Amino acid sequence: MSRLGALAACLLAAAALGASVPVTTPARTVLGHADLSAPGEMEVIASVTELQRGASLPRHLHHGIETGYVLEGSLVQFPGQAPVLLATGTAIINLRDVAHAGFTVIGPQPLKLYTVHVVDKGKPLYDWVDSGSGR
């Protein structure tokens, strides 16, 4: 077993035993962190979303945590706000039941997102909410 494999096995074993595991190691940069408190059954959904120029992602929330990564960035616009760049490499974290998105892609290239949702099983992945300002 390689040193990296052995380290990973030790960290997993320590986590399983409830031991404190360092959040940051020399080979890892934490881009964001949130505690997960989840009563009941949960499911994990990993997906890629690609939005072409002119496509909108309506304002919505999730019944759990969404995390992800901007695979290919683009310029987006929220209603009544100046355009902003969602840059390639940007980390995404949206907490349970917190409304987000509500923008239109206005850049020449598509916006491509990789997301992982850890959500309540049996509930819709997206609950659409009224459009409003903000992210």
C-alpha atoms as a PDB file:
ATOM      1  CA  MET A   1       0.000   0.000   0.000  1.00  0.00           C
ATOM      2  CA  SER A   2       1.352   3.442  -0.853  1.00  0.00           C
ATOM      3  CA  ARG A   3       1.991   6.034   1.851  1.00  0.00           C
ATOM      4  CA  LEU A   4      -0.974   8.063   0.577  1.00  0.00           C
ATOM      5  CA  GLY A   5      -3.206   4.985   0.678  1.00  0.00           C
ATOM      6  CA  ALA A   6      -2.058   4.176   4.200  1.00  0.00           C
ATOM      7  CA  LEU A   7      -2.704   7.759   5.324  1.00  0.00           C
ATOM      8  CA  ALA A   8      -6.184   7.680   3.800  1.00  0.00           C
ATOM      9  CA  ALA A   9      -6.941   4.369   5.521  1.00  0.00           C
ATOM     10  CA  CYS A  10      -5.765   5.761   8.889  1.00  0.00           C
ATOM     11  CA  LEU A  11      -7.847   8.915   8.481  1.00  0.00           C
ATOM     12  CA  LEU A  12     -10.934   6.884   7.578  1.00  0.00           C
ATOM     13  CA  ALA A  13     -10.390   4.565  10.545  1.00  0.00           C
ATOM     14  CA  ALA A  14      -9.922   7.515  12.896  1.00  0.00           C
ATOM     15  CA  ALA A  15     -13.068   9.170  11.563  1.00  0.00           C
ATOM     16  CA  ALA A  16     -15.027   5.946  12.019  1.00  0.00           C
ATOM     17  CA  LEU A  17     -13.878   5.796  15.642  1.00  0.00           C
ATOM     18  CA  GLY A  18     -14.925   9.404  16.209  1.00  0.00           C
ATOM     19  CA  ALA A  19     -11.390  10.712  16.574  1.00  0.00           C
ATOM     20  CA  SER A  20     -10.546  14.265  15.634  1.00  0.00           C
ATOM     21  CA  VAL A  21      -9.161  14.372  12.081  1.00  0.00           C
ATOM     22  CA  PRO A  22      -7.276  17.432  10.816  1.00  0.00           C
ATOM     23  CA  VAL A  23      -9.367  19.497   8.403  1.00  0.00           C
ATOM     24  CA  THR A  24      -6.406  20.677   6.368  1.00  0.00           C
ATOM     25  CA  THR A  25      -3.311  18.730   5.316  1.00  0.00           C
ATOM     26  CA  PRO A  26      -0.417  19.912   3.133  1.00  0.00           C
ATOM     27  CA  ALA A  27      -1.983  18.318   0.019  1.00  0.00           C
ATOM     28  CA  ARG A  28      -5.500  19.624   0.640  1.00  0.00           C
ATOM     29  CA  THR A  29      -6.991  23.098   0.599  1.00  0.00           C
ATOM     30  CA  VAL A  30     -10.391  23.562   2.215  1.00  0.00           C
ATOM     31  CA  LEU A  31     -12.533  25.689  -0.094  1.00  0.00           C
ATOM     32  CA  GLY A  32     -15.576  25.651   2.184  1.00  0.00           C
ATOM     33  CA  HIS A  33     -16.964  23.741   5.147  1.00  0.00           C
ATOM     34  CA  ALA A  34     -20.380  23.252   6.754  1.00  0.00           C
ATOM     35  CA  ASP A  35     -21.648  20.841   9.407  1.00  0.00           C
ATOM     36  CA  LEU A  36     -24.265  18.365   8.221  1.00  0.00           C
ATOM     37  CA  SER A  37     -27.140  17.706  10.579  1.00  0.00           C
ATOM     38  CA  ALA A  38     -29.531  15.325   8.872  1.00  0.00           C
ATOM     39  CA  PRO A  39     -32.460  13.566  10.546  1.00  0.00           C
ATOM     40  CA  GLY A  40     -34.038  10.765   8.507  1.00  0.00           C
ATOM     41  CA  GLU A  41     -32.873   9.192   5.301  1.00  0.00           C
ATOM     42  CA  MET A  42     -30.607  11.107   2.948  1.00  0.00           C
ATOM     43  CA  GLU A  43     -29.371  10.541  -0.586  1.00  0.00           C
ATOM     44  CA  VAL A  44     -26.355  11.806  -2.520  1.00  0.00           C
ATOM     45  CA  ILE A  45     -26.803  13.056  -6.093  1.00  0.00           C
ATOM     46  CA  ALA A  46     -23.814  14.060  -8.231  1.00  0.00           C
ATOM     47  CA  SER A  47     -24.494  15.830 -11.521  1.00  0.00           C
ATOM     48  CA  VAL A  48     -23.206  18.161 -14.200  1.00  0.00           C
ATOM     49  CA  THR A  49     -25.366  21.067 -15.384  1.00  0.00           C
ATOM     50  CA  GLU A  50     -24.579  23.010 -18.551  1.00  0.00           C
ATOM     51  CA  LEU A  51     -26.381  26.301 -19.225  1.00  0.00           C
ATOM     52  CA  GLN A  52     -26.030  27.912 -22.639  1.00  0.00           C
ATOM     53  CA  ARG A  53     -26.003  31.680 -23.249  1.00  0.00           C
ATOM     54  CA  GLY A  54     -29.492  33.035 -22.549  1.00  0.00           C
ATOM     55  CA  ALA A  55     -30.471  30.131 -20.254  1.00  0.00           C
ATOM     56  CA  SER A  56     -31.645  30.912 -16.743  1.00  0.00           C
ATOM     57  CA  LEU A  57     -31.280  28.994 -13.517  1.00  0.00           C
ATOM     58  CA  PRO A  58     -34.338  30.031 -11.477  1.00  0.00           C
ATOM     59  CA  ARG A  59     -34.062  30.898  -7.803  1.00  0.00           C
ATOM     60  CA  HIS A  60     -34.443  27.707  -5.768  1.00  0.00           C
ATOM     61  CA  LEU A  61     -33.476  25.825  -2.618  1.00  0.00           C
ATOM     62  CA  HIS A  62     -32.622  22.245  -1.680  1.00  0.00           C
ATOM     63  CA  HIS A  63     -33.662  20.075   1.273  1.00  0.00           C
ATOM     64  CA  GLY A  64     -30.057  19.421   2.188  1.00  0.00           C
ATOM     65  CA  ILE A  65     -26.627  20.679   1.255  1.00  0.00           C
ATOM     66  CA  GLU A  66     -25.380  21.387  -2.254  1.00  0.00           C
ATOM     67  CA  THR A  67     -21.691  21.626  -2.947  1.00  0.00           C
ATOM     68  CA  GLY A  68     -19.833  21.771  -6.204  1.00  0.00           C
ATOM     69  CA  TYR A  69     -17.385  23.345  -8.550  1.00  0.00           C
ATOM     70  CA  VAL A  70     -17.560  25.581 -11.616  1.00  0.00           C
ATOM     71  CA  LEU A  71     -16.073  23.426 -14.386  1.00  0.00           C
ATOM     72  CA  GLU A  72     -16.390  26.134 -17.057  1.00  0.00           C
ATOM     73  CA  GLY A  73     -17.116  29.683 -16.009  1.00  0.00           C
ATOM     74  CA  SER A  74     -19.227  32.340 -17.691  1.00  0.00           C
ATOM     75  CA  LEU A  75     -20.676  35.785 -17.151  1.00  0.00           C
ATOM     76  CA  VAL A  76     -24.075  35.730 -15.413  1.00  0.00           C
ATOM     77  CA  GLN A  77     -26.613  38.369 -14.462  1.00  0.00           C
ATOM     78  CA  PHE A  78     -28.972  38.476 -11.511  1.00  0.00           C
ATOM     79  CA  PRO A  79     -32.103  40.634 -11.944  1.00  0.00           C
ATOM     80  CA  GLY A  80     -31.367  44.311 -11.319  1.00  0.00           C
ATOM     81  CA  GLN A  81     -27.643  43.738 -10.724  1.00  0.00           C
ATOM     82  CA  ALA A  82     -24.468  44.211 -12.707  1.00  0.00           C
ATOM     83  CA  PRO A  83     -23.125  41.128 -14.506  1.00  0.00           C
ATOM     84  CA  VAL A  84     -20.713  38.948 -12.515  1.00  0.00           C
ATOM     85  CA  LEU A  85     -18.258  36.281 -13.583  1.00  0.00           C
ATOM     86  CA  LEU A  86     -18.772  32.803 -12.150  1.00  0.00           C
ATOM     87  CA  ALA A  87     -15.157  31.847 -12.760  1.00  0.00           C
ATOM     88  CA  THR A  88     -13.833  28.409 -13.607  1.00  0.00           C
ATOM     89  CA  GLY A  89     -12.614  26.831 -10.370  1.00  0.00           C
ATOM     90  CA  THR A  90     -15.068  28.594  -8.083  1.00  0.00           C
ATOM     91  CA  ALA A  91     -16.320  26.427  -5.213  1.00  0.00           C
ATOM     92  CA  ILE A  92     -20.062  26.186  -4.550  1.00  0.00           C
ATOM     93  CA  ILE A  93     -21.719  25.598  -1.171  1.00  0.00           C
ATOM     94  CA  ASN A  94     -25.414  26.200  -0.580  1.00  0.00           C
ATOM     95  CA  LEU A  95     -26.882  25.334   2.804  1.00  0.00           C
ATOM     96  CA  ARG A  96     -30.172  23.557   3.516  1.00  0.00           C
ATOM     97  CA  ASP A  97     -33.294  25.553   2.615  1.00  0.00           C
ATOM     98  CA  VAL A  98     -31.337  28.686   1.626  1.00  0.00           C
ATOM     99  CA  ALA A  99     -32.574  30.207  -1.661  1.00  0.00           C
ATOM    100  CA  HIS A 100     -29.885  30.807  -4.277  1.00  0.00           C
ATOM    101  CA  ALA A 101     -29.295  31.186  -8.041  1.00  0.00           C
ATOM    102  CA  GLY A 102     -31.867  33.197 -10.027  1.00  0.00           C
ATOM    103  CA  PHE A 103     -29.505  34.287 -12.779  1.00  0.00           C
ATOM    104  CA  THR A 104     -29.232  34.224 -16.569  1.00  0.00           C
ATOM    105  CA  VAL A 105     -26.062  33.258 -18.447  1.00  0.00           C
ATOM    106  CA  ILE A 106     -25.012  36.239 -20.577  1.00  0.00           C
ATOM    107  CA  GLY A 107     -21.421  35.258 -21.408  1.00  0.00           C
ATOM    108  CA  PRO A 108     -20.528  33.898 -24.829  1.00  0.00           C
ATOM    109  CA  GLN A 109     -19.538  30.480 -23.423  1.00  0.00           C
ATOM    110  CA  PRO A 110     -21.803  28.034 -21.550  1.00  0.00           C
ATOM    111  CA  LEU A 111     -21.683  27.790 -17.750  1.00  0.00           C
ATOM    112  CA  LYS A 112     -20.863  24.246 -16.664  1.00  0.00           C
ATOM    113  CA  LEU A 113     -21.310  23.179 -13.026  1.00  0.00           C
ATOM    114  CA  TYR A 114     -20.461  19.966 -11.187  1.00  0.00           C
ATOM    115  CA  THR A 115     -22.668  19.598  -8.106  1.00  0.00           C
ATOM    116  CA  VAL A 116     -23.149  17.101  -5.304  1.00  0.00           C
ATOM    117  CA  HIS A 117     -26.378  17.235  -3.321  1.00  0.00           C
ATOM    118  CA  VAL A 118     -26.816  15.483   0.036  1.00  0.00           C
ATOM    119  CA  VAL A 119     -30.578  15.812   0.435  1.00  0.00           C
ATOM    120  CA  ASP A 120     -33.633  14.359   2.135  1.00  0.00           C
ATOM    121  CA  LYS A 121     -34.746  11.233   0.311  1.00  0.00           C
ATOM    122  CA  GLY A 122     -38.184  11.489  -1.295  1.00  0.00           C
ATOM    123  CA  LYS A 123     -38.236  15.297  -1.452  1.00  0.00           C
ATOM    124  CA  PRO A 124     -37.786  17.196  -4.723  1.00  0.00           C
ATOM    125  CA  LEU A 125     -34.205  18.103  -5.574  1.00  0.00           C
ATOM    126  CA  TYR A 126     -35.266  21.663  -6.469  1.00  0.00           C
ATOM    127  CA  ASP A 127     -37.948  23.741  -4.771  1.00  0.00           C
ATOM    128  CA  TRP A 128     -38.462  26.883  -6.865  1.00  0.00           C
ATOM    129  CA  VAL A 129     -38.898  30.158  -4.979  1.00  0.00           C
ATOM    130  CA  ASP A 130     -39.999  33.670  -5.937  1.00  0.00           C
ATOM    131  CA  SER A 131     -37.400  35.648  -7.827  1.00  0.00           C
ATOM    132  CA  GLY A 132     -35.738  38.264  -5.737  1.00  0.00           C
ATOM    133  CA  SER A 133     -32.446  40.037  -5.656  1.00  0.00           C
ATOM    134  CA  GLY A 134     -29.434  38.286  -4.218  1.00  0.00           C
ATOM    135  CA  ARG A 135     -27.693  34.997  -4.682  1.00  0.00           C
END
